[in-house]
């Protein structure tokens, strides 16, 4: 199925509790290099951000 449909969606798991949209965006922007490296360069399916 992976050959036909491709890789499943990649997951960025934010373990930061209930936060505002601005706080969530800040966490994503602050960790964008880590996310890019894990999901694109290392080809991981999931990354956990604390």
C-alpha atoms as a PDB file:
ATOM      1  CA  UNK A   1       0.000   0.000   0.000  1.00  0.00           C
ATOM      2  CA  UNK A   2       2.923   2.319   0.698  1.00  0.00           C
ATOM      3  CA  UNK A   3       4.085   1.951  -2.920  1.00  0.00           C
ATOM      4  CA  UNK A   4       0.630   2.795  -4.254  1.00  0.00           C
ATOM      5  CA  UNK A   5      -0.439   5.580  -1.868  1.00  0.00           C
ATOM      6  CA  UNK A   6       2.915   6.893  -0.673  1.00  0.00           C
ATOM      7  CA  UNK A   7       4.190   7.483   2.824  1.00  0.00           C
ATOM      8  CA  UNK A   8       1.647   8.243   5.552  1.00  0.00           C
ATOM      9  CA  UNK A   9       1.394  11.844   6.762  1.00  0.00           C
ATOM     10  CA  UNK A  10       4.238  13.097   8.908  1.00  0.00           C
ATOM     11  CA  UNK A  11       3.392  14.156  12.455  1.00  0.00           C
ATOM     12  CA  UNK A  12       4.631  17.071  14.542  1.00  0.00           C
ATOM     13  CA  UNK A  13       3.518  16.184  18.078  1.00  0.00           C
ATOM     14  CA  UNK A  14       3.331  19.314  20.245  1.00  0.00           C
ATOM     15  CA  UNK A  15       3.421  18.398  23.932  1.00  0.00           C
ATOM     16  CA  UNK A  16       2.762  21.840  25.339  1.00  0.00           C
ATOM     17  CA  UNK A  17      -0.713  21.684  26.788  1.00  0.00           C
ATOM     18  CA  UNK A  18      -3.499  24.088  26.027  1.00  0.00           C
ATOM     19  CA  UNK A  19      -1.914  27.237  24.557  1.00  0.00           C
ATOM     20  CA  UNK A  20      -2.922  30.205  22.443  1.00  0.00           C
ATOM     21  CA  UNK A  21      -2.457  30.195  18.689  1.00  0.00           C
ATOM     22  CA  UNK A  22       0.394  32.713  19.065  1.00  0.00           C
ATOM     23  CA  UNK A  23       2.226  30.437  21.528  1.00  0.00           C
ATOM     24  CA  UNK A  24       1.796  27.444  19.199  1.00  0.00           C
ATOM     25  CA  UNK A  25       3.138  29.402  16.235  1.00  0.00           C
ATOM     26  CA  UNK A  26       6.116  30.589  18.316  1.00  0.00           C
ATOM     27  CA  UNK A  27       7.005  26.995  19.264  1.00  0.00           C
ATOM     28  CA  UNK A  28       6.817  25.910  15.618  1.00  0.00           C
ATOM     29  CA  UNK A  29       8.901  28.861  14.391  1.00  0.00           C
ATOM     30  CA  UNK A  30      11.481  28.442  17.161  1.00  0.00           C
ATOM     31  CA  UNK A  31      11.881  24.752  16.285  1.00  0.00           C
ATOM     32  CA  UNK A  32      11.622  24.951  12.511  1.00  0.00           C
ATOM     33  CA  UNK A  33      15.218  23.812  11.911  1.00  0.00           C
ATOM     34  CA  UNK A  34      14.790  20.811  14.213  1.00  0.00           C
ATOM     35  CA  UNK A  35      11.500  19.925  12.512  1.00  0.00           C
ATOM     36  CA  UNK A  36      12.960  20.275   9.020  1.00  0.00           C
ATOM     37  CA  UNK A  37      15.977  18.128   9.895  1.00  0.00           C
ATOM     38  CA  UNK A  38      13.925  15.358  11.499  1.00  0.00           C
ATOM     39  CA  UNK A  39      11.132  15.136   8.920  1.00  0.00           C
ATOM     40  CA  UNK A  40      13.022  15.888   5.716  1.00  0.00           C
ATOM     41  CA  UNK A  41      16.694  15.099   6.229  1.00  0.00           C
ATOM     42  CA  UNK A  42      16.379  12.137   8.627  1.00  0.00           C
ATOM     43  CA  UNK A  43      13.068  11.037   7.047  1.00  0.00           C
ATOM     44  CA  UNK A  44      11.384  10.421  10.407  1.00  0.00           C
ATOM     45  CA  UNK A  45       7.612   9.977  10.446  1.00  0.00           C
ATOM     46  CA  UNK A  46       7.052  11.749  13.767  1.00  0.00           C
ATOM     47  CA  UNK A  47       8.819  14.404  15.824  1.00  0.00           C
ATOM     48  CA  UNK A  48       7.935  15.343  19.394  1.00  0.00           C
ATOM     49  CA  UNK A  49       8.321  18.960  20.498  1.00  0.00           C
ATOM     50  CA  UNK A  50       8.184  19.643  24.238  1.00  0.00           C
END
